[in-house]
Protein backbone atom coordinates (compact mmCIF):
# COMPACT_ATOMS: atom_id res chain seq x y z
CA UNK A 1 -12.28 3.78 -19.60
CA UNK A 2 -10.52 6.29 -17.57
CA UNK A 3 -11.17 9.98 -18.18
CA UNK A 4 -8.69 12.94 -18.50
CA UNK A 5 -6.09 13.57 -15.68
CA UNK A 6 -6.52 16.46 -13.30
CA UNK A 7 -3.97 19.01 -14.61
CA UNK A 8 -3.10 20.95 -11.47
CA UNK A 9 -4.34 22.02 -8.02
CA UNK A 10 -6.82 24.71 -9.39
CA UNK A 11 -8.53 22.14 -11.70
CA UNK A 12 -8.69 19.57 -8.87
CA UNK A 13 -10.52 22.29 -6.49
CA UNK A 14 -12.79 23.19 -9.29
CA UNK A 15 -13.74 19.39 -9.80
CA UNK A 16 -14.18 18.74 -6.11
CA UNK A 17 -16.21 21.94 -5.74
CA UNK A 18 -18.60 20.87 -8.66
CA UNK A 19 -18.92 17.41 -7.02
CA UNK A 20 -20.02 19.00 -3.75
CA UNK A 21 -22.34 21.40 -5.51
CA UNK A 22 -23.85 18.35 -7.32
CA UNK A 23 -24.25 16.50 -3.96
CA UNK A 24 -22.56 13.37 -5.35
CA UNK A 25 -19.42 11.76 -4.38
CA UNK A 26 -16.20 12.93 -6.06
CA UNK A 27 -16.01 9.35 -7.75
CA UNK A 28 -19.48 9.59 -9.18
CA UNK A 29 -18.80 13.18 -10.40
CA UNK A 30 -15.64 12.20 -12.00
CA UNK A 31 -17.32 9.20 -13.84
CA UNK A 32 -20.21 11.46 -15.15
CA UNK A 33 -17.69 14.24 -16.22
CA UNK A 34 -15.13 12.09 -17.90
CA UNK A 35 -12.60 12.74 -15.46
CA UNK A 36 -10.15 9.99 -14.04
CA UNK A 37 -11.55 9.31 -10.64
CA UNK A 38 -8.17 8.11 -9.39
CA UNK A 39 -6.54 11.24 -10.25
CA UNK A 40 -9.38 13.31 -8.55
CA UNK A 41 -9.18 11.00 -5.41
CA UNK A 42 -5.41 11.59 -5.28
CA UNK A 43 -5.90 15.36 -5.15
CA UNK A 44 -8.58 15.08 -2.58
CA UNK A 45 -6.29 12.78 -0.24
CA UNK A 46 -3.52 15.52 -0.73
CA UNK A 47 -5.92 18.26 0.22
CA UNK A 48 -6.97 16.42 3.28
CA UNK A 49 -3.47 15.70 4.45
CA UNK A 50 -2.58 19.28 3.66
CA UNK A 51 -5.49 20.52 6.07
CA UNK A 52 -4.40 17.95 8.68
CA UNK A 53 -0.72 18.94 8.75
CA UNK A 54 -0.93 22.47 7.69
CA UNK A 55 1.60 22.05 4.72
CA UNK A 56 1.18 22.34 1.10
CA UNK A 57 0.85 19.26 -0.91
CA UNK A 58 2.81 18.39 -3.96
CA UNK A 59 1.87 15.59 -6.22
CA UNK A 60 4.25 14.13 -8.70
CA UNK A 61 3.05 11.67 -11.62
CA UNK A 62 5.25 8.84 -12.20
CA UNK A 63 5.20 7.19 -15.74
CA UNK A 64 6.88 3.82 -16.43
CA UNK A 65 9.10 4.15 -19.56
CA UNK A 66 8.65 1.84 -22.35
CA UNK A 67 11.48 -0.66 -22.93
CA UNK A 68 14.05 0.86 -25.54
CA UNK A 69 13.55 -2.20 -28.01
CA UNK A 70 12.34 -5.80 -27.89
CA UNK A 71 15.15 -8.22 -27.67
CA UNK A 72 15.73 -10.64 -30.53
CA UNK A 73 17.07 -13.53 -28.88
CA UNK A 74 16.35 -15.26 -25.48
CA UNK A 75 18.77 -17.65 -23.61
CA UNK A 76 17.68 -19.90 -20.98
CA UNK A 77 20.32 -21.44 -18.51
CA UNK A 78 19.12 -24.46 -16.46
CA UNK A 79 21.10 -26.10 -13.58
CA UNK A 80 19.02 -28.81 -11.69
CA UNK A 81 15.84 -26.82 -10.72
CA UNK A 82 17.20 -23.37 -11.05
CA UNK A 83 16.72 -21.41 -14.31
CA UNK A 84 17.90 -18.00 -15.48
CA UNK A 85 16.88 -16.49 -18.72
CA UNK A 86 18.47 -13.59 -20.43
CA UNK A 87 18.33 -11.71 -23.72
CA UNK A 88 20.87 -10.39 -25.98
CA UNK A 89 20.96 -6.92 -24.39
CA UNK A 90 21.37 -8.28 -20.94
CA UNK A 91 24.14 -6.70 -18.91
CA UNK A 92 27.18 -9.02 -18.36
CA UNK A 93 28.22 -7.74 -15.07
CA UNK A 94 24.55 -8.11 -13.74
CA UNK A 95 24.60 -11.87 -14.83
CA UNK A 96 27.82 -12.53 -13.31
CA UNK A 97 26.51 -11.07 -9.98
CA UNK A 98 23.24 -13.23 -10.45
CA UNK A 99 25.34 -16.33 -11.06
CA UNK A 100 27.50 -15.61 -8.06
CA UNK A 101 24.47 -15.52 -5.92
CA UNK A 102 23.26 -18.80 -7.41
CA UNK A 103 26.65 -20.53 -6.81
CA UNK A 104 26.60 -19.47 -3.24
CA UNK A 105 23.33 -21.24 -2.48
């Protein structure tokens, strides 16, 4: 199970310093202290790049949005060995473009 994410630059610096003081890798320290090792490693890499380039690092967390709702019905269109599957909430214009691409093949 992943631990807590690193909250900011200061938090990352404290965690990395603690790992150094403990004489263990940042990964081992993170696992022992319920910190997300991937989050800590991303900060470590950012700090190394900053030192190498002399610029300030900026990390942005990307989060995938959950689908608005589950589709109630699914439709499958088959023509020879080509299959297209859509749901009730599928965009008509996008379907037209996809079918146009298939027709051109």
